[in-house]
Amino acid sequence: MHRHNHHHKVQRRVWVRAGGGRFVERSLAQLSGGQWRRASLSLSLAFTELARRRGKLSCNLLVLDEAMVHLDTHGRAKVKESEAPC
């Protein structure tokens, strides 16, 4: 039996929007507190969705403890835009 062994490397770099709307590549260590929090929240939501699509998660409740503490006004508005209706 031939099995494919898929190895996925986690990239520790992200693209962030800089002045003028252009995107620049940064390491995770270079992120501001708000950028780090947005990246962390995005990853949490993406992994939850991936688990749901693979049939490993069946849940209709998401609990976020102080998820927007380090976000600026713009970051909070973006999170609210992305919230799915119940």
C-alpha atoms as a PDB file:
ATOM      1  CA  MET A   1       0.000   0.000   0.000  1.00  0.00           C
ATOM      2  CA  HIS A   2       1.472   3.327  -1.051  1.00  0.00           C
ATOM      3  CA  ARG A   3       0.793   6.184   1.334  1.00  0.00           C
ATOM      4  CA  HIS A   4       1.463   9.792   0.592  1.00  0.00           C
ATOM      5  CA  ASN A   5       3.213  11.514   3.419  1.00  0.00           C
ATOM      6  CA  HIS A   6       2.242  15.183   3.306  1.00  0.00           C
ATOM      7  CA  HIS A   7       4.443  17.535   5.256  1.00  0.00           C
ATOM      8  CA  HIS A   8       3.291  21.090   5.603  1.00  0.00           C
ATOM      9  CA  LYS A   9       5.709  23.658   6.871  1.00  0.00           C
ATOM     10  CA  VAL A  10       4.282  26.411   9.015  1.00  0.00           C
ATOM     11  CA  GLN A  11       5.429  29.787   7.792  1.00  0.00           C
ATOM     12  CA  ARG A  12       6.292  32.193  10.576  1.00  0.00           C
ATOM     13  CA  ARG A  13       5.884  35.197   8.331  1.00  0.00           C
ATOM     14  CA  VAL A  14       2.796  37.196   7.467  1.00  0.00           C
ATOM     15  CA  TRP A  15       1.735  39.916   5.064  1.00  0.00           C
ATOM     16  CA  VAL A  16       0.512  43.109   6.733  1.00  0.00           C
ATOM     17  CA  ARG A  17      -0.990  46.226   5.238  1.00  0.00           C
ATOM     18  CA  ALA A  18       1.423  49.130   5.430  1.00  0.00           C
ATOM     19  CA  GLY A  19       1.006  52.817   4.653  1.00  0.00           C
ATOM     20  CA  GLY A  20      -0.674  53.570   1.361  1.00  0.00           C
ATOM     21  CA  GLY A  21      -2.527  50.247   1.396  1.00  0.00           C
ATOM     22  CA  ARG A  22       0.439  48.216   0.172  1.00  0.00           C
ATOM     23  CA  PHE A  23       1.320  44.877   1.750  1.00  0.00           C
ATOM     24  CA  VAL A  24       4.725  44.046   3.230  1.00  0.00           C
ATOM     25  CA  GLU A  25       6.069  40.746   4.536  1.00  0.00           C
ATOM     26  CA  ARG A  26       6.998  40.607   8.226  1.00  0.00           C
ATOM     27  CA  SER A  27       8.090  37.969  10.693  1.00  0.00           C
ATOM     28  CA  LEU A  28       5.739  37.258  13.580  1.00  0.00           C
ATOM     29  CA  ALA A  29       8.251  38.906  15.927  1.00  0.00           C
ATOM     30  CA  GLN A  30       7.797  42.206  14.057  1.00  0.00           C
ATOM     31  CA  LEU A  31       4.030  42.388  14.554  1.00  0.00           C
ATOM     32  CA  SER A  32       2.475  44.975  16.829  1.00  0.00           C
ATOM     33  CA  GLY A  33       0.245  43.792  19.665  1.00  0.00           C
ATOM     34  CA  GLY A  34      -2.900  44.426  17.614  1.00  0.00           C
ATOM     35  CA  GLN A  35      -1.491  42.718  14.526  1.00  0.00           C
ATOM     36  CA  TRP A  36      -0.440  39.709  16.601  1.00  0.00           C
ATOM     37  CA  ARG A  37      -3.892  39.487  18.186  1.00  0.00           C
ATOM     38  CA  ARG A  38      -5.635  39.692  14.781  1.00  0.00           C
ATOM     39  CA  ALA A  39      -3.345  36.974  13.388  1.00  0.00           C
ATOM     40  CA  SER A  40      -3.999  34.769  16.415  1.00  0.00           C
ATOM     41  CA  LEU A  41      -7.764  35.267  16.201  1.00  0.00           C
ATOM     42  CA  SER A  42      -7.720  34.583  12.444  1.00  0.00           C
ATOM     43  CA  LEU A  43      -5.799  31.346  12.935  1.00  0.00           C
ATOM     44  CA  SER A  44      -8.147  30.215  15.707  1.00  0.00           C
ATOM     45  CA  LEU A  45     -11.189  30.831  13.512  1.00  0.00           C
ATOM     46  CA  ALA A  46      -9.559  29.166  10.490  1.00  0.00           C
ATOM     47  CA  PHE A  47      -8.625  26.030  12.456  1.00  0.00           C
ATOM     48  CA  THR A  48     -12.154  25.846  13.873  1.00  0.00           C
ATOM     49  CA  GLU A  49     -13.605  26.070  10.356  1.00  0.00           C
ATOM     50  CA  LEU A  50     -11.153  23.449   9.063  1.00  0.00           C
ATOM     51  CA  ALA A  51     -12.137  21.046  11.845  1.00  0.00           C
ATOM     52  CA  ARG A  52     -15.825  21.676  11.115  1.00  0.00           C
ATOM     53  CA  ARG A  53     -15.380  20.996   7.387  1.00  0.00           C
ATOM     54  CA  ARG A  54     -13.515  17.764   8.089  1.00  0.00           C
ATOM     55  CA  GLY A  55     -16.384  16.585  10.265  1.00  0.00           C
ATOM     56  CA  LYS A  56     -14.301  16.649  13.438  1.00  0.00           C
ATOM     57  CA  LEU A  57     -16.213  19.465  15.090  1.00  0.00           C
ATOM     58  CA  SER A  58     -19.905  20.040  15.497  1.00  0.00           C
ATOM     59  CA  CYS A  59     -20.543  23.174  17.474  1.00  0.00           C
ATOM     60  CA  ASN A  60     -22.725  26.237  17.178  1.00  0.00           C
ATOM     61  CA  LEU A  61     -21.106  28.215  19.988  1.00  0.00           C
ATOM     62  CA  LEU A  62     -17.845  30.119  19.927  1.00  0.00           C
ATOM     63  CA  VAL A  63     -16.492  31.581  23.172  1.00  0.00           C
ATOM     64  CA  LEU A  64     -13.855  34.283  22.866  1.00  0.00           C
ATOM     65  CA  ASP A  65     -12.308  35.515  26.092  1.00  0.00           C
ATOM     66  CA  GLU A  66     -11.110  39.102  25.657  1.00  0.00           C
ATOM     67  CA  ALA A  67     -10.526  38.476  21.952  1.00  0.00           C
ATOM     68  CA  MET A  68     -10.480  42.163  21.047  1.00  0.00           C
ATOM     69  CA  VAL A  69      -8.551  43.577  24.006  1.00  0.00           C
ATOM     70  CA  HIS A  70      -5.463  44.532  22.001  1.00  0.00           C
ATOM     71  CA  LEU A  71      -7.282  45.606  18.840  1.00  0.00           C
ATOM     72  CA  ASP A  72      -7.540  49.226  17.791  1.00  0.00           C
ATOM     73  CA  THR A  73     -10.827  50.722  16.579  1.00  0.00           C
ATOM     74  CA  HIS A  74     -10.163  49.648  12.990  1.00  0.00           C
ATOM     75  CA  GLY A  75      -9.302  46.095  14.090  1.00  0.00           C
ATOM     76  CA  ARG A  76     -12.487  45.806  16.152  1.00  0.00           C
ATOM     77  CA  ALA A  77     -14.563  47.028  13.219  1.00  0.00           C
ATOM     78  CA  LYS A  78     -12.947  44.403  10.934  1.00  0.00           C
ATOM     79  CA  VAL A  79     -13.726  41.612  13.418  1.00  0.00           C
ATOM     80  CA  LYS A  80     -17.344  42.755  13.645  1.00  0.00           C
ATOM     81  CA  GLU A  81     -17.576  42.754   9.825  1.00  0.00           C
ATOM     82  CA  SER A  82     -16.405  39.154   9.686  1.00  0.00           C
ATOM     83  CA  GLU A  83     -18.773  37.802  12.339  1.00  0.00           C
ATOM     84  CA  ALA A  84     -21.164  35.294  10.832  1.00  0.00           C
ATOM     85  CA  PRO A  85     -24.847  35.725  11.655  1.00  0.00           C
ATOM     86  CA  CYS A  86     -26.369  33.025  13.879  1.00  0.00           C
END
